[in-house]
Amino acid sequence: MHRDQLLTELRERIARHARPDLRTAVDGLTLSKVESSAPDYSLTEPLLVVMAQGGKRLLLGDQTFDYRAGDLFVVTTDLPVSGHFVGASPRTPALGMAVTLRPDAIAPLLLQAPPVRRTAAGASAIATGPADPEILDAAARLLRLLDSPSDVPVLAPLIERELLWRLLTGPHGDVIRQIGLADSSLTHVNRAIRWIRDNYAEPLRVADLASLAGMSPAAFHRHFRAITALSPLQFQKRIRLQEARSLLAAHPRDIAGVGHLVGYDSPSQFNREYRRLFGTPPGQDAARLRAG
């Protein structure tokens, strides 16, 4: 099937099946239909995203990533990102699908994958580029399963395997294989990322994180910044503030309490850093979130 036909099918099926909670009957497959270009802040997980309509600009540290209809977007670890969909509106919503990238699904394929050009150690955890027709075709077949639920348990794992194989043998193969390698720098840094994610309110010592990753402090700091575009302290701060924003939507009047809960002992520092990231003070932002 022609590339344009595949994109048309992806758009139609995503628009028909997308739900507010993003989930589908296929494990690991989520669909998004976004009608606003408002900024959003989120903590990603390892994902393959295929954009079917519209586009998105994503910010990570001082790096900017743009992807449009027909492009894929790959992220290989948990990252606190911000961004916005470009030109999304109720008449022309941004439409996309995402498939979770699981290490246990990628690792067995590495034994059969051909050699690929090795990227620099600690390469960025994000990659973008045009989606090959083979990937679009597999994505379309995965979406078709939503109309035949009885086929999902048998066919969905096969199509997921095909998608992973196309990625591994494509231009982003070395980025993908880092997820499945037990001794990759990404795997080692991921131990520290998980600790920060799960203990974001706790004091952070780089030496302890480096030990957790099995690296010297200097090597750990270099690999961590290369992968995440942030220092460990910046990474922790971003997660703290994004978690605070979620909490404030439910507890808009307890600003000091929320700040303390996410790890800030100084209310003034919390207010200052919150405003720097989100553009408005926490109280004002919380009121806007609840109104929205």
C-alpha atoms as a PDB file:
ATOM      1  CA  MET A   1       0.000   0.000   0.000  1.00  0.00           C
ATOM      2  CA  HIS A   2       1.227   3.510  -0.822  1.00  0.00           C
ATOM      3  CA  ARG A   3       2.604   5.676   1.988  1.00  0.00           C
ATOM      4  CA  ASP A   4      -0.187   8.271   1.629  1.00  0.00           C
ATOM      5  CA  GLN A   5      -2.829   5.547   1.790  1.00  0.00           C
ATOM      6  CA  LEU A   6      -1.266   4.139   4.934  1.00  0.00           C
ATOM      7  CA  LEU A   7      -1.257   7.565   6.607  1.00  0.00           C
ATOM      8  CA  THR A   8      -4.905   8.062   5.663  1.00  0.00           C
ATOM      9  CA  GLU A   9      -5.782   4.738   7.247  1.00  0.00           C
ATOM     10  CA  LEU A  10      -3.799   5.565  10.382  1.00  0.00           C
ATOM     11  CA  ARG A  11      -5.611   8.895  10.722  1.00  0.00           C
ATOM     12  CA  GLU A  12      -9.040   7.326  10.311  1.00  0.00           C
ATOM     13  CA  ARG A  13      -8.428   4.504  12.755  1.00  0.00           C
ATOM     14  CA  ILE A  14      -6.777   6.671  15.421  1.00  0.00           C
ATOM     15  CA  ALA A  15      -9.589   9.239  15.226  1.00  0.00           C
ATOM     16  CA  ARG A  16     -12.161   6.465  15.598  1.00  0.00           C
ATOM     17  CA  HIS A  17     -10.548   4.559  18.466  1.00  0.00           C
ATOM     18  CA  ALA A  18      -8.770   7.271  20.517  1.00  0.00           C
ATOM     19  CA  ARG A  19     -10.123   7.694  24.057  1.00  0.00           C
ATOM     20  CA  PRO A  20      -9.411  10.284  26.748  1.00  0.00           C
ATOM     21  CA  ASP A  21      -7.360   7.791  28.801  1.00  0.00           C
ATOM     22  CA  LEU A  22      -5.258   6.926  25.674  1.00  0.00           C
ATOM     23  CA  ARG A  23      -5.492   3.168  26.307  1.00  0.00           C
ATOM     24  CA  THR A  24      -6.561   0.459  23.881  1.00  0.00           C
ATOM     25  CA  ALA A  25      -7.312  -3.257  23.960  1.00  0.00           C
ATOM     26  CA  VAL A  26      -3.765  -3.929  22.702  1.00  0.00           C
ATOM     27  CA  ASP A  27      -1.300  -4.055  25.579  1.00  0.00           C
ATOM     28  CA  GLY A  28       1.317  -1.315  25.193  1.00  0.00           C
ATOM     29  CA  LEU A  29      -0.546   0.547  22.430  1.00  0.00           C
ATOM     30  CA  THR A  30      -1.912   4.015  23.160  1.00  0.00           C
ATOM     31  CA  LEU A  31      -3.674   6.477  20.858  1.00  0.00           C
ATOM     32  CA  SER A  32      -3.827  10.251  21.168  1.00  0.00           C
ATOM     33  CA  LYS A  33      -6.213  12.773  19.663  1.00  0.00           C
ATOM     34  CA  VAL A  34      -5.222  16.281  20.789  1.00  0.00           C
ATOM     35  CA  GLU A  35      -7.257  19.366  19.897  1.00  0.00           C
ATOM     36  CA  SER A  36      -5.110  22.019  21.592  1.00  0.00           C
ATOM     37  CA  SER A  37      -1.654  23.502  21.095  1.00  0.00           C
ATOM     38  CA  ALA A  38      -1.309  24.334  24.797  1.00  0.00           C
ATOM     39  CA  PRO A  39       2.056  23.416  26.392  1.00  0.00           C
ATOM     40  CA  ASP A  40       2.193  20.069  28.128  1.00  0.00           C
ATOM     41  CA  TYR A  41       4.678  18.590  30.581  1.00  0.00           C
ATOM     42  CA  SER A  42       5.112  14.880  31.066  1.00  0.00           C
ATOM     43  CA  LEU A  43       7.398  12.071  32.129  1.00  0.00           C
ATOM     44  CA  THR A  44       7.914   9.815  29.143  1.00  0.00           C
ATOM     45  CA  GLU A  45       8.618   6.095  29.092  1.00  0.00           C
ATOM     46  CA  PRO A  46      10.441   4.161  26.346  1.00  0.00           C
ATOM     47  CA  LEU A  47       8.158   4.544  23.331  1.00  0.00           C
ATOM     48  CA  LEU A  48       7.845   4.391  19.585  1.00  0.00           C
ATOM     49  CA  VAL A  49       5.495   7.148  18.427  1.00  0.00           C
ATOM     50  CA  VAL A  50       4.112   7.310  14.893  1.00  0.00           C
ATOM     51  CA  MET A  51       2.538  10.653  13.980  1.00  0.00           C
ATOM     52  CA  ALA A  52      -0.428  10.385  11.622  1.00  0.00           C
ATOM     53  CA  GLN A  53      -1.683  13.989  11.553  1.00  0.00           C
ATOM     54  CA  GLY A  54      -0.290  17.305  12.757  1.00  0.00           C
ATOM     55  CA  GLY A  55       3.037  17.564  14.523  1.00  0.00           C
ATOM     56  CA  LYS A  56       4.743  18.181  17.819  1.00  0.00           C
ATOM     57  CA  ARG A  57       7.692  20.178  19.090  1.00  0.00           C
ATOM     58  CA  LEU A  58       9.352  18.588  22.109  1.00  0.00           C
ATOM     59  CA  LEU A  59      11.875  20.229  24.423  1.00  0.00           C
ATOM     60  CA  LEU A  60      14.437  18.366  26.527  1.00  0.00           C
ATOM     61  CA  GLY A  61      16.983  20.528  28.279  1.00  0.00           C
ATOM     62  CA  ASP A  62      18.402  22.790  25.584  1.00  0.00           C
ATOM     63  CA  GLN A  63      17.483  20.371  22.767  1.00  0.00           C
ATOM     64  CA  THR A  64      14.461  20.686  20.462  1.00  0.00           C
ATOM     65  CA  PHE A  65      12.862  17.823  18.528  1.00  0.00           C
ATOM     66  CA  ASP A  66      10.215  18.276  15.826  1.00  0.00           C
ATOM     67  CA  TYR A  67       8.189  15.525  14.203  1.00  0.00           C
ATOM     68  CA  ARG A  68       5.287  15.659  11.778  1.00  0.00           C
ATOM     69  CA  ALA A  69       2.771  13.391  10.057  1.00  0.00           C
ATOM     70  CA  GLY A  70       4.606  10.396   8.642  1.00  0.00           C
ATOM     71  CA  ASP A  71       7.483  10.727  11.118  1.00  0.00           C
ATOM     72  CA  LEU A  72       8.415   8.464  13.978  1.00  0.00           C
ATOM     73  CA  PHE A  73       9.696   9.518  17.363  1.00  0.00           C
ATOM     74  CA  VAL A  74      11.673   7.176  19.598  1.00  0.00           C
ATOM     75  CA  VAL A  75      12.477   7.703  23.280  1.00  0.00           C
ATOM     76  CA  THR A  76      14.525   5.070  25.089  1.00  0.00           C
ATOM     77  CA  THR A  77      14.182   5.981  28.778  1.00  0.00           C
ATOM     78  CA  ASP A  78      12.030   7.921  31.257  1.00  0.00           C
ATOM     79  CA  LEU A  79      12.495  11.639  30.562  1.00  0.00           C
ATOM     80  CA  PRO A  80      10.804  14.787  31.920  1.00  0.00           C
ATOM     81  CA  VAL A  81       9.884  16.615  28.712  1.00  0.00           C
ATOM     82  CA  SER A  82       7.798  19.592  27.689  1.00  0.00           C
ATOM     83  CA  GLY A  83       6.299  20.501  24.354  1.00  0.00           C
ATOM     84  CA  HIS A  84       3.205  21.342  22.361  1.00  0.00           C
ATOM     85  CA  PHE A  85       1.316  20.032  19.370  1.00  0.00           C
ATOM     86  CA  VAL A  86       1.665  22.312  16.358  1.00  0.00           C
ATOM     87  CA  GLY A  87      -1.561  23.786  15.003  1.00  0.00           C
ATOM     88  CA  ALA A  88      -3.835  21.298  16.755  1.00  0.00           C
ATOM     89  CA  SER A  89      -7.511  22.295  16.900  1.00  0.00           C
ATOM     90  CA  PRO A  90     -10.931  20.596  17.131  1.00  0.00           C
ATOM     91  CA  ARG A  91     -11.176  20.695  13.322  1.00  0.00           C
ATOM     92  CA  THR A  92      -7.663  19.331  12.731  1.00  0.00           C
ATOM     93  CA  PRO A  93      -6.565  17.431  15.846  1.00  0.00           C
ATOM     94  CA  ALA A  94      -3.091  16.002  16.198  1.00  0.00           C
ATOM     95  CA  LEU A  95      -3.328  12.219  15.808  1.00  0.00           C
ATOM     96  CA  GLY A  96      -0.682   9.765  16.901  1.00  0.00           C
ATOM     97  CA  MET A  97      -0.076   6.255  18.167  1.00  0.00           C
ATOM     98  CA  ALA A  98       2.545   4.978  20.586  1.00  0.00           C
ATOM     99  CA  VAL A  99       3.923   1.518  21.291  1.00  0.00           C
ATOM    100  CA  THR A 100       5.823   0.792  24.500  1.00  0.00           C
ATOM    101  CA  LEU A 101       9.417  -0.341  23.900  1.00  0.00           C
ATOM    102  CA  ARG A 102      10.058  -3.240  26.285  1.00  0.00           C
ATOM    103  CA  PRO A 103      13.592  -4.521  26.938  1.00  0.00           C
ATOM    104  CA  ASP A 104      12.380  -8.126  27.243  1.00  0.00           C
ATOM    105  CA  ALA A 105      10.846  -7.922  23.765  1.00  0.00           C
ATOM    106  CA  ILE A 106      13.913  -6.300  22.178  1.00  0.00           C
ATOM    107  CA  ALA A 107      16.660  -8.449  23.749  1.00  0.00           C
ATOM    108  CA  PRO A 108      15.810 -11.740  21.919  1.00  0.00           C
ATOM    109  CA  LEU A 109      15.864  -9.950  18.552  1.00  0.00           C
ATOM    110  CA  LEU A 110      19.418  -8.717  19.079  1.00  0.00           C
ATOM    111  CA  LEU A 111      20.759 -12.224  18.466  1.00  0.00           C
ATOM    112  CA  GLN A 112      19.351 -12.127  14.926  1.00  0.00           C
ATOM    113  CA  ALA A 113      19.765  -8.437  14.084  1.00  0.00           C
ATOM    114  CA  PRO A 114      22.538  -7.555  11.618  1.00  0.00           C
ATOM    115  CA  PRO A 115      25.458  -5.400  12.780  1.00  0.00           C
ATOM    116  CA  VAL A 116      24.718  -1.687  12.785  1.00  0.00           C
ATOM    117  CA  ARG A 117      26.792   1.458  12.911  1.00  0.00           C
ATOM    118  CA  ARG A 118      27.642   2.079  16.533  1.00  0.00           C
ATOM    119  CA  THR A 119      26.674   5.462  17.919  1.00  0.00           C
ATOM    120  CA  ALA A 120      28.766   7.273  20.494  1.00  0.00           C
ATOM    121  CA  ALA A 121      28.498   5.912  24.018  1.00  0.00           C
ATOM    122  CA  GLY A 122      25.801   7.704  25.928  1.00  0.00           C
ATOM    123  CA  ALA A 123      24.029   8.949  22.790  1.00  0.00           C
ATOM    124  CA  SER A 124      20.779  10.888  23.213  1.00  0.00           C
ATOM    125  CA  ALA A 125      17.735   8.935  24.373  1.00  0.00           C
ATOM    126  CA  ILE A 126      15.598  10.555  21.647  1.00  0.00           C
ATOM    127  CA  ALA A 127      15.581  10.001  17.884  1.00  0.00           C
ATOM    128  CA  THR A 128      13.246  11.231  15.146  1.00  0.00           C
ATOM    129  CA  GLY A 129      12.923  10.778  11.402  1.00  0.00           C
ATOM    130  CA  PRO A 130      10.639   9.618   8.577  1.00  0.00           C
ATOM    131  CA  ALA A 131       8.798   6.360   9.221  1.00  0.00           C
ATOM    132  CA  ASP A 132       9.550   3.722   6.580  1.00  0.00           C
ATOM    133  CA  PRO A 133       6.532   2.353   4.668  1.00  0.00           C
ATOM    134  CA  GLU A 134       7.133  -1.029   6.343  1.00  0.00           C
ATOM    135  CA  ILE A 135       6.710   0.569   9.772  1.00  0.00           C
ATOM    136  CA  LEU A 136       3.569   2.419   8.677  1.00  0.00           C
ATOM    137  CA  ASP A 137       2.166  -0.828   7.275  1.00  0.00           C
ATOM    138  CA  ALA A 138       2.814  -2.727  10.522  1.00  0.00           C
ATOM    139  CA  ALA A 139       1.338   0.170  12.516  1.00  0.00           C
ATOM    140  CA  ALA A 140      -1.812   0.083  10.377  1.00  0.00           C
ATOM    141  CA  ARG A 141      -2.181  -3.680  10.884  1.00  0.00           C
ATOM    142  CA  LEU A 142      -1.817  -3.220  14.647  1.00  0.00           C
ATOM    143  CA  LEU A 143      -4.625  -0.655  14.586  1.00  0.00           C
ATOM    144  CA  ARG A 144      -6.850  -2.979  12.538  1.00  0.00           C
ATOM    145  CA  LEU A 145      -6.809  -5.415  15.458  1.00  0.00           C
ATOM    146  CA  LEU A 146      -8.885  -2.923  17.446  1.00  0.00           C
ATOM    147  CA  ASP A 147     -11.818  -3.885  15.191  1.00  0.00           C
ATOM    148  CA  SER A 148     -11.294  -7.618  15.825  1.00  0.00           C
ATOM    149  CA  PRO A 149     -10.566  -8.047  19.563  1.00  0.00           C
ATOM    150  CA  SER A 150     -10.471 -11.841  19.346  1.00  0.00           C
ATOM    151  CA  ASP A 151      -7.344 -11.581  17.155  1.00  0.00           C
ATOM    152  CA  VAL A 152      -5.445  -9.369  19.624  1.00  0.00           C
ATOM    153  CA  PRO A 153      -3.911 -12.049  21.904  1.00  0.00           C
ATOM    154  CA  VAL A 154      -2.401 -13.966  18.977  1.00  0.00           C
ATOM    155  CA  LEU A 155      -1.554 -11.318  16.381  1.00  0.00           C
ATOM    156  CA  ALA A 156      -0.613  -8.257  18.463  1.00  0.00           C
ATOM    157  CA  PRO A 157       2.644  -9.808  19.793  1.00  0.00           C
ATOM    158  CA  LEU A 158       3.618 -10.816  16.256  1.00  0.00           C
ATOM    159  CA  ILE A 159       3.068  -7.321  14.873  1.00  0.00           C
ATOM    160  CA  GLU A 160       4.880  -5.761  17.837  1.00  0.00           C
ATOM    161  CA  ARG A 161       7.822  -8.068  17.110  1.00  0.00           C
ATOM    162  CA  GLU A 162       7.768  -6.991  13.469  1.00  0.00           C
ATOM    163  CA  LEU A 163       7.740  -3.303  14.451  1.00  0.00           C
ATOM    164  CA  LEU A 164      10.739  -3.834  16.729  1.00  0.00           C
ATOM    165  CA  TRP A 165      12.564  -5.729  13.990  1.00  0.00           C
ATOM    166  CA  ARG A 166      11.951  -2.890  11.506  1.00  0.00           C
ATOM    167  CA  LEU A 167      13.344  -0.431  14.037  1.00  0.00           C
ATOM    168  CA  LEU A 168      16.395  -2.557  14.804  1.00  0.00           C
ATOM    169  CA  THR A 169      17.229  -2.955  11.118  1.00  0.00           C
ATOM    170  CA  GLY A 170      16.499   0.683  10.269  1.00  0.00           C
ATOM    171  CA  PRO A 171      18.440   3.941  10.664  1.00  0.00           C
ATOM    172  CA  HIS A 172      17.720   4.114  14.415  1.00  0.00           C
ATOM    173  CA  GLY A 173      18.749   0.519  15.080  1.00  0.00           C
ATOM    174  CA  ASP A 174      21.622   1.302  17.432  1.00  0.00           C
ATOM    175  CA  VAL A 175      19.419   3.599  19.521  1.00  0.00           C
ATOM    176  CA  ILE A 176      16.830   0.825  19.892  1.00  0.00           C
ATOM    177  CA  ARG A 177      19.344  -1.921  20.687  1.00  0.00           C
ATOM    178  CA  GLN A 178      20.593   0.044  23.710  1.00  0.00           C
ATOM    179  CA  ILE A 179      17.251  -0.762  25.379  1.00  0.00           C
ATOM    180  CA  GLY A 180      17.794  -4.506  25.068  1.00  0.00           C
ATOM    181  CA  LEU A 181      21.513  -4.695  25.910  1.00  0.00           C
ATOM    182  CA  ALA A 182      22.170  -5.625  29.525  1.00  0.00           C
ATOM    183  CA  ASP A 183      25.545  -3.838  29.575  1.00  0.00           C
ATOM    184  CA  SER A 184      24.774  -0.688  27.553  1.00  0.00           C
ATOM    185  CA  SER A 185      25.454   2.738  29.029  1.00  0.00           C
ATOM    186  CA  LEU A 186      21.712   3.407  28.755  1.00  0.00           C
ATOM    187  CA  THR A 187      20.946   0.360  30.913  1.00  0.00           C
ATOM    188  CA  HIS A 188      23.437   1.485  33.568  1.00  0.00           C
ATOM    189  CA  VAL A 189      22.205   5.091  33.585  1.00  0.00           C
ATOM    190  CA  ASN A 190      18.611   3.826  33.717  1.00  0.00           C
ATOM    191  CA  ARG A 191      19.262   2.487  37.211  1.00  0.00           C
ATOM    192  CA  ALA A 192      19.984   6.024  38.373  1.00  0.00           C
ATOM    193  CA  ILE A 193      17.046   7.444  36.416  1.00  0.00           C
ATOM    194  CA  ARG A 194      14.676   4.996  38.077  1.00  0.00           C
ATOM    195  CA  TRP A 195      16.055   5.912  41.510  1.00  0.00           C
ATOM    196  CA  ILE A 196      15.513   9.627  40.885  1.00  0.00           C
ATOM    197  CA  ARG A 197      12.036   8.981  39.489  1.00  0.00           C
ATOM    198  CA  ASP A 198      11.009   6.912  42.509  1.00  0.00           C
ATOM    199  CA  ASN A 199      12.795   9.065  45.140  1.00  0.00           C
ATOM    200  CA  TYR A 200      12.552  12.561  43.659  1.00  0.00           C
ATOM    201  CA  ALA A 201      11.830  14.193  47.039  1.00  0.00           C
ATOM    202  CA  GLU A 202      14.991  12.765  48.624  1.00  0.00           C
ATOM    203  CA  PRO A 203      18.406  14.511  48.716  1.00  0.00           C
ATOM    204  CA  LEU A 204      20.504  13.540  45.704  1.00  0.00           C
ATOM    205  CA  ARG A 205      24.203  12.639  45.791  1.00  0.00           C
ATOM    206  CA  VAL A 206      25.835  12.163  42.412  1.00  0.00           C
ATOM    207  CA  ALA A 207      28.466   9.854  43.878  1.00  0.00           C
ATOM    208  CA  ASP A 208      25.745   7.480  45.107  1.00  0.00           C
ATOM    209  CA  LEU A 209      24.005   7.526  41.720  1.00  0.00           C
ATOM    210  CA  ALA A 210      27.312   6.855  39.972  1.00  0.00           C
ATOM    211  CA  SER A 211      27.877   3.855  42.235  1.00  0.00           C
ATOM    212  CA  LEU A 212      24.370   2.609  41.441  1.00  0.00           C
ATOM    213  CA  ALA A 213      25.164   2.876  37.721  1.00  0.00           C
ATOM    214  CA  GLY A 214      28.556   1.185  38.167  1.00  0.00           C
ATOM    215  CA  MET A 215      30.491   4.210  36.873  1.00  0.00           C
ATOM    216  CA  SER A 216      32.926   6.771  38.161  1.00  0.00           C
ATOM    217  CA  PRO A 217      31.268  10.099  39.056  1.00  0.00           C
ATOM    218  CA  ALA A 218      32.867  11.822  36.051  1.00  0.00           C
ATOM    219  CA  ALA A 219      31.839   9.097  33.589  1.00  0.00           C
ATOM    220  CA  PHE A 220      28.354   8.912  35.080  1.00  0.00           C
ATOM    221  CA  HIS A 221      27.801  12.655  34.803  1.00  0.00           C
ATOM    222  CA  ARG A 222      29.002  12.607  31.174  1.00  0.00           C
ATOM    223  CA  HIS A 223      26.784   9.685  30.159  1.00  0.00           C
ATOM    224  CA  PHE A 224      23.770  10.991  32.087  1.00  0.00           C
ATOM    225  CA  ARG A 225      23.900  14.396  30.390  1.00  0.00           C
ATOM    226  CA  ALA A 226      24.470  12.855  26.955  1.00  0.00           C
ATOM    227  CA  ILE A 227      21.413  10.613  27.335  1.00  0.00           C
ATOM    228  CA  THR A 228      19.010  13.012  29.073  1.00  0.00           C
ATOM    229  CA  ALA A 229      20.360  16.470  28.035  1.00  0.00           C
ATOM    230  CA  LEU A 230      20.176  17.356  31.755  1.00  0.00           C
ATOM    231  CA  SER A 231      22.429  17.047  34.783  1.00  0.00           C
ATOM    232  CA  PRO A 232      21.178  14.683  37.517  1.00  0.00           C
ATOM    233  CA  LEU A 233      20.170  17.689  39.662  1.00  0.00           C
ATOM    234  CA  GLN A 234      18.314  19.332  36.766  1.00  0.00           C
ATOM    235  CA  PHE A 235      16.581  16.008  36.037  1.00  0.00           C
ATOM    236  CA  GLN A 236      15.456  15.702  39.659  1.00  0.00           C
ATOM    237  CA  LYS A 237      14.245  19.308  39.744  1.00  0.00           C
ATOM    238  CA  ARG A 238      12.169  18.824  36.588  1.00  0.00           C
ATOM    239  CA  ILE A 239      10.496  15.707  37.988  1.00  0.00           C
ATOM    240  CA  ARG A 240       9.833  17.461  41.319  1.00  0.00           C
ATOM    241  CA  LEU A 241       8.172  20.414  39.617  1.00  0.00           C
ATOM    242  CA  GLN A 242       6.092  18.314  37.223  1.00  0.00           C
ATOM    243  CA  GLU A 243       4.893  16.181  40.136  1.00  0.00           C
ATOM    244  CA  ALA A 244       4.087  19.352  42.084  1.00  0.00           C
ATOM    245  CA  ARG A 245       1.992  20.600  39.177  1.00  0.00           C
ATOM    246  CA  SER A 246      -0.045  17.388  39.193  1.00  0.00           C
ATOM    247  CA  LEU A 247      -0.578  17.633  42.946  1.00  0.00           C
ATOM    248  CA  LEU A 248      -1.584  21.304  42.792  1.00  0.00           C
ATOM    249  CA  ALA A 249      -4.416  20.493  40.408  1.00  0.00           C
ATOM    250  CA  ALA A 250      -5.997  18.562  43.290  1.00  0.00           C
ATOM    251  CA  HIS A 251      -4.732  20.738  46.192  1.00  0.00           C
ATOM    252  CA  PRO A 252      -4.525  24.303  44.835  1.00  0.00           C
ATOM    253  CA  ARG A 253      -4.578  26.016  48.241  1.00  0.00           C
ATOM    254  CA  ASP A 254      -1.771  24.018  49.852  1.00  0.00           C
ATOM    255  CA  ILE A 255       1.142  25.447  47.881  1.00  0.00           C
ATOM    256  CA  ALA A 256       3.700  25.263  50.693  1.00  0.00           C
ATOM    257  CA  GLY A 257       2.579  21.730  51.574  1.00  0.00           C
ATOM    258  CA  VAL A 258       2.923  20.537  47.992  1.00  0.00           C
ATOM    259  CA  GLY A 259       6.350  22.136  47.690  1.00  0.00           C
ATOM    260  CA  HIS A 260       7.516  20.373  50.839  1.00  0.00           C
ATOM    261  CA  LEU A 261       6.016  17.079  49.676  1.00  0.00           C
ATOM    262  CA  VAL A 262       8.106  17.090  46.487  1.00  0.00           C
ATOM    263  CA  GLY A 263      11.313  17.987  48.295  1.00  0.00           C
ATOM    264  CA  TYR A 264      11.446  21.784  48.720  1.00  0.00           C
ATOM    265  CA  ASP A 265      12.241  23.076  52.218  1.00  0.00           C
ATOM    266  CA  SER A 266      12.069  26.704  51.059  1.00  0.00           C
ATOM    267  CA  PRO A 267       8.657  27.958  49.822  1.00  0.00           C
ATOM    268  CA  SER A 268      10.316  30.918  48.097  1.00  0.00           C
ATOM    269  CA  GLN A 269      12.665  28.613  46.174  1.00  0.00           C
ATOM    270  CA  PHE A 270       9.728  26.409  45.189  1.00  0.00           C
ATOM    271  CA  ASN A 271       7.741  29.420  43.944  1.00  0.00           C
ATOM    272  CA  ARG A 272      10.731  30.794  42.053  1.00  0.00           C
ATOM    273  CA  GLU A 273      11.653  27.535  40.289  1.00  0.00           C
ATOM    274  CA  TYR A 274       8.024  26.660  39.562  1.00  0.00           C
ATOM    275  CA  ARG A 275       7.470  30.004  37.874  1.00  0.00           C
ATOM    276  CA  ARG A 276      10.693  29.661  35.900  1.00  0.00           C
ATOM    277  CA  LEU A 277       9.591  26.330  34.428  1.00  0.00           C
ATOM    278  CA  PHE A 278       5.840  26.855  33.938  1.00  0.00           C
ATOM    279  CA  GLY A 279       5.728  30.623  33.405  1.00  0.00           C
ATOM    280  CA  THR A 280       3.300  31.434  36.245  1.00  0.00           C
ATOM    281  CA  PRO A 281       3.387  31.151  40.073  1.00  0.00           C
ATOM    282  CA  PRO A 282       2.066  27.849  41.468  1.00  0.00           C
ATOM    283  CA  GLY A 283      -1.155  29.316  42.905  1.00  0.00           C
ATOM    284  CA  GLN A 284      -2.092  31.031  39.665  1.00  0.00           C
ATOM    285  CA  ASP A 285      -1.164  27.987  37.608  1.00  0.00           C
ATOM    286  CA  ALA A 286      -3.196  25.683  39.868  1.00  0.00           C
ATOM    287  CA  ALA A 287      -6.273  27.877  39.475  1.00  0.00           C
ATOM    288  CA  ARG A 288      -5.865  27.815  35.700  1.00  0.00           C
ATOM    289  CA  LEU A 289      -5.449  24.049  35.656  1.00  0.00           C
ATOM    290  CA  ARG A 290      -8.621  23.523  37.681  1.00  0.00           C
ATOM    291  CA  ALA A 291     -10.563  25.960  35.528  1.00  0.00           C
ATOM    292  CA  GLY A 292      -9.425  24.077  32.438  1.00  0.00           C
END
